[in-house]
Structure formats: structure tokens, C-alpha cells
Amino acid sequence: MKILVFSDSHGSETSMFYAVRYHKDAKVVIFCGDGHQDIDIIRKKFPDRTYYAVRGNCDWYCDNPVLLTANVGGKKILVSHGHTQMVKSSLDRLIALGHQENADIVLFGHTHRQLTIADSRMLICNPGSIGYHEEYTLIDIDEATGKITAQEYPDHQYGPVIIT
């Protein structure tokens, strides 16, 4: 199961549009906040996908939750924009919340900096800013083996992060 992860579009859905169109096999799209109107536009243009979205600190007048959990491909995913966990100063609160929720994957935004790491049992990922830097992450969950692979776009790493 392939999942496209975006954050921080800030009024520019163009790069999201091209990424969703390019990754036709990604049937799930997760948006980590700050651009709720942009993800609503994408949702209308690609109604065949499943969408999850949270509210960011710049998403005023938005009904999206600040925090959500979703079960996708047999894995529990925790999604937050990250501002309520103060991720600009430390990831400690976010990681603790992920462990508290027994999450397999923790997704967040807010910093506009792409990050994909793994601790002892969780993938922790910030897809970066799709609006400012055209960054996003593609996660692949192998439902047969439970293996999780995350690939950043554009490719800033030496290869994908893999959790088995």
C-alpha cells in the first residue's frame, strides 16, 4: 500500500497535484496541515484516493482535527502538524506521543524541513514543505511482510528508510 504524505502547502497546491498524478498507485494521501484549502482542491480533483488531513497552526476556520490516528495497510499512523508538540524545539513530545498511541508511523509537518528517521519501532517522518520546497514523502507498506519503506522526494537521502 503506497501513501503520499504532504505538508505545508500554504496556498500552493500545484506541486501536490503533480505528485498525486505521477504516483497513480498511491491510493492514500495524508496531509499534515497548513494548507487545508489546498488539500480540499486535490481531494476534488482525485476523488478516487483516500484522504486524511490534520489542521496546522495556519489553518484557520478549518474543521480538520489537530491530531488523528488511522489504520492503513495494517499499520497505525499518528498524524499531527507538530506545533502542539513543539517540534521546532524537539521531537521528544511527538515521539513520546507516538509510543503512547502505539503508532507504527508518526507523521508531522510545521518545520518545513524534510526528515525521515526510525527509532526502535516507529517511522518518524516530516515530508517537508510541498508549497515552498516541492518536498514530499512516499511511504510503502508491504502488507504481506509488514515492511515499511519511506522515500523522500526530491531524493535528499542516500536511499529509502526501511523498517521491518
Protein backbone atom coordinates (compact mmCIF):
# COMPACT_ATOMS: atom_id res chain seq x y z
CA MET A 1 0.00 0.00 0.00
CA LYS A 2 1.52 3.29 -1.12
CA ILE A 3 0.85 6.50 0.80
CA LEU A 4 1.69 10.05 -0.33
CA VAL A 5 2.50 12.37 2.56
CA PHE A 6 2.38 16.17 2.18
CA SER A 7 2.56 19.16 4.49
CA ASP A 8 2.76 22.93 4.45
CA SER A 9 1.41 23.80 1.01
CA HIS A 10 0.49 27.31 2.21
CA GLY A 11 -1.80 28.17 -0.68
CA SER A 12 0.02 26.35 -3.45
CA GLU A 13 -1.49 23.02 -4.46
CA THR A 14 0.33 22.76 -7.81
CA SER A 15 3.18 20.51 -6.69
CA MET A 16 0.73 18.31 -4.80
CA PHE A 17 -1.35 17.96 -7.94
CA TYR A 18 1.64 16.78 -9.99
CA ALA A 19 2.81 14.36 -7.30
CA VAL A 20 -0.63 12.77 -6.92
CA ARG A 21 -0.95 12.50 -10.70
CA TYR A 22 2.55 10.98 -11.01
CA HIS A 23 2.10 8.41 -8.22
CA LYS A 24 -1.04 6.78 -9.58
CA ASP A 25 -0.52 3.71 -7.40
CA ALA A 26 -0.64 5.73 -4.15
CA LYS A 27 -4.25 5.29 -3.10
CA VAL A 28 -3.88 7.09 0.24
CA VAL A 29 -2.93 10.76 0.69
CA ILE A 30 -2.06 12.18 4.10
CA PHE A 31 -1.79 15.92 4.66
CA CYS A 32 -0.02 17.18 7.80
CA GLY A 33 -1.54 20.65 7.83
CA ASP A 34 -1.04 24.28 6.80
CA GLY A 35 -2.98 24.42 3.57
CA HIS A 36 -6.37 22.82 4.24
CA GLN A 37 -7.90 24.56 1.24
CA ASP A 38 -5.17 23.10 -1.00
CA ILE A 39 -5.80 19.52 0.09
CA ASP A 40 -9.54 20.12 -0.43
CA ILE A 41 -8.80 21.09 -4.05
CA ILE A 42 -6.69 17.94 -4.55
CA ARG A 43 -9.43 15.82 -2.96
CA LYS A 44 -11.90 17.12 -5.56
CA LYS A 45 -9.50 16.55 -8.47
CA PHE A 46 -8.61 12.99 -7.37
CA PRO A 47 -11.74 11.60 -5.68
CA ASP A 48 -10.56 8.00 -6.11
CA ARG A 49 -7.99 8.35 -3.28
CA THR A 50 -8.49 8.05 0.47
CA TYR A 51 -7.55 11.23 2.35
CA TYR A 52 -6.50 12.01 5.90
CA ALA A 53 -5.73 15.59 6.95
CA VAL A 54 -4.98 17.49 10.12
CA ARG A 55 -5.13 21.18 10.88
CA GLY A 56 -1.93 23.20 11.10
CA ASN A 57 -1.23 26.39 13.01
CA CYS A 58 -2.07 28.46 9.88
CA ASP A 59 -5.31 26.58 9.11
CA TRP A 60 -7.88 29.00 10.49
CA TYR A 61 -11.58 28.21 10.08
CA CYS A 62 -10.83 24.57 9.42
CA ASP A 63 -12.73 21.54 10.68
CA ASN A 64 -9.80 19.12 10.40
CA PRO A 65 -8.63 17.66 13.72
CA VAL A 66 -5.34 18.73 15.27
CA LEU A 67 -4.37 15.09 15.74
CA LEU A 68 -5.60 11.87 14.17
CA THR A 69 -4.79 8.19 14.03
CA ALA A 70 -5.54 5.98 11.07
CA ASN A 71 -5.06 2.31 10.36
CA VAL A 72 -3.63 1.94 6.87
CA GLY A 73 -2.16 -1.20 5.37
CA GLY A 74 -2.18 -2.93 8.75
CA LYS A 75 -0.16 -0.14 10.41
CA LYS A 76 -1.25 2.51 12.90
CA ILE A 77 -0.39 6.00 11.72
CA LEU A 78 -0.38 9.05 14.00
CA VAL A 79 -0.70 12.39 12.17
CA SER A 80 -0.07 15.84 13.66
CA HIS A 81 1.05 19.14 12.26
CA GLY A 82 3.51 19.19 15.14
CA HIS A 83 3.02 22.69 16.50
CA THR A 84 1.16 21.40 19.57
CA GLN A 85 4.10 19.08 20.30
CA MET A 86 6.56 21.98 19.77
CA VAL A 87 8.56 20.09 17.13
CA LYS A 88 10.62 23.15 16.24
CA SER A 89 12.49 22.78 19.53
CA SER A 90 12.49 18.98 19.97
CA LEU A 91 10.85 15.81 18.69
CA ASP A 92 10.69 14.32 22.19
CA ARG A 93 6.99 15.13 22.81
CA LEU A 94 5.96 13.86 19.40
CA ILE A 95 7.92 10.62 19.75
CA ALA A 96 6.52 10.06 23.27
CA LEU A 97 3.00 10.59 21.90
CA GLY A 98 3.70 8.11 19.12
CA HIS A 99 4.80 5.48 21.66
CA GLN A 100 1.81 6.27 23.89
CA GLU A 101 -0.52 5.70 20.92
CA ASN A 102 1.37 2.54 19.86
CA ALA A 103 1.91 4.07 16.43
CA ASP A 104 3.96 2.35 13.75
CA ILE A 105 4.34 5.60 11.79
CA VAL A 106 4.33 9.19 13.07
CA LEU A 107 3.82 11.96 10.51
CA PHE A 108 4.19 15.69 11.13
CA GLY A 109 4.99 19.00 9.43
CA HIS A 110 5.42 22.57 10.71
CA THR A 111 9.22 22.87 10.42
CA HIS A 112 9.29 22.90 6.59
CA ARG A 113 12.28 20.54 6.87
CA GLN A 114 12.16 17.08 5.44
CA LEU A 115 13.08 14.36 7.92
CA THR A 116 12.74 10.58 7.83
CA ILE A 117 14.13 8.57 10.73
CA ALA A 118 13.31 5.41 12.61
CA ASP A 119 13.55 4.66 16.29
CA SER A 120 13.32 1.18 17.76
CA ARG A 121 9.83 0.55 16.40
CA MET A 122 8.44 3.66 14.65
CA LEU A 123 9.00 5.52 11.43
CA ILE A 124 9.03 9.27 12.14
CA CYS A 125 8.56 11.43 9.08
CA ASN A 126 8.19 15.07 8.15
CA PRO A 127 7.60 15.30 4.39
CA GLY A 128 8.91 18.88 4.27
CA SER A 129 7.06 21.71 2.60
CA ILE A 130 5.29 20.86 -0.65
CA GLY A 131 4.42 24.54 -1.12
CA TYR A 132 7.83 26.10 -0.57
CA HIS A 133 10.31 23.36 -1.46
CA GLU A 134 8.25 20.86 -3.53
CA GLU A 135 9.11 18.16 -0.98
CA TYR A 136 7.01 15.15 -0.06
CA THR A 137 7.41 11.54 1.04
CA LEU A 138 6.13 8.29 -0.41
CA ILE A 139 5.58 5.51 2.13
CA ASP A 140 5.12 1.93 1.04
CA ILE A 141 3.67 -0.64 3.45
CA ASP A 142 4.15 -4.25 2.37
CA GLU A 143 1.06 -5.80 3.90
CA ALA A 144 2.42 -9.34 3.50
CA THR A 145 5.67 -8.76 5.39
CA GLY A 146 4.87 -5.64 7.44
CA LYS A 147 7.91 -3.89 6.00
CA ILE A 148 7.63 -0.08 5.83
CA THR A 149 9.71 1.87 3.31
CA ALA A 150 9.82 5.67 3.09
CA GLN A 151 11.33 7.58 0.18
CA GLU A 152 11.78 11.34 0.22
CA TYR A 153 11.18 13.41 -2.92
CA PRO A 154 13.23 15.04 -4.23
CA ASP A 155 15.69 12.41 -3.05
CA HIS A 156 17.78 14.08 -0.33
CA GLN A 157 18.97 10.82 1.17
CA TYR A 158 21.27 8.06 0.05
CA GLY A 159 18.29 5.74 -0.18
CA PRO A 160 14.98 4.87 1.43
CA VAL A 161 14.45 4.37 5.16
CA ILE A 162 13.22 0.83 5.77
CA ILE A 163 11.58 -0.61 8.89
CA THR A 164 10.88 -4.33 9.13
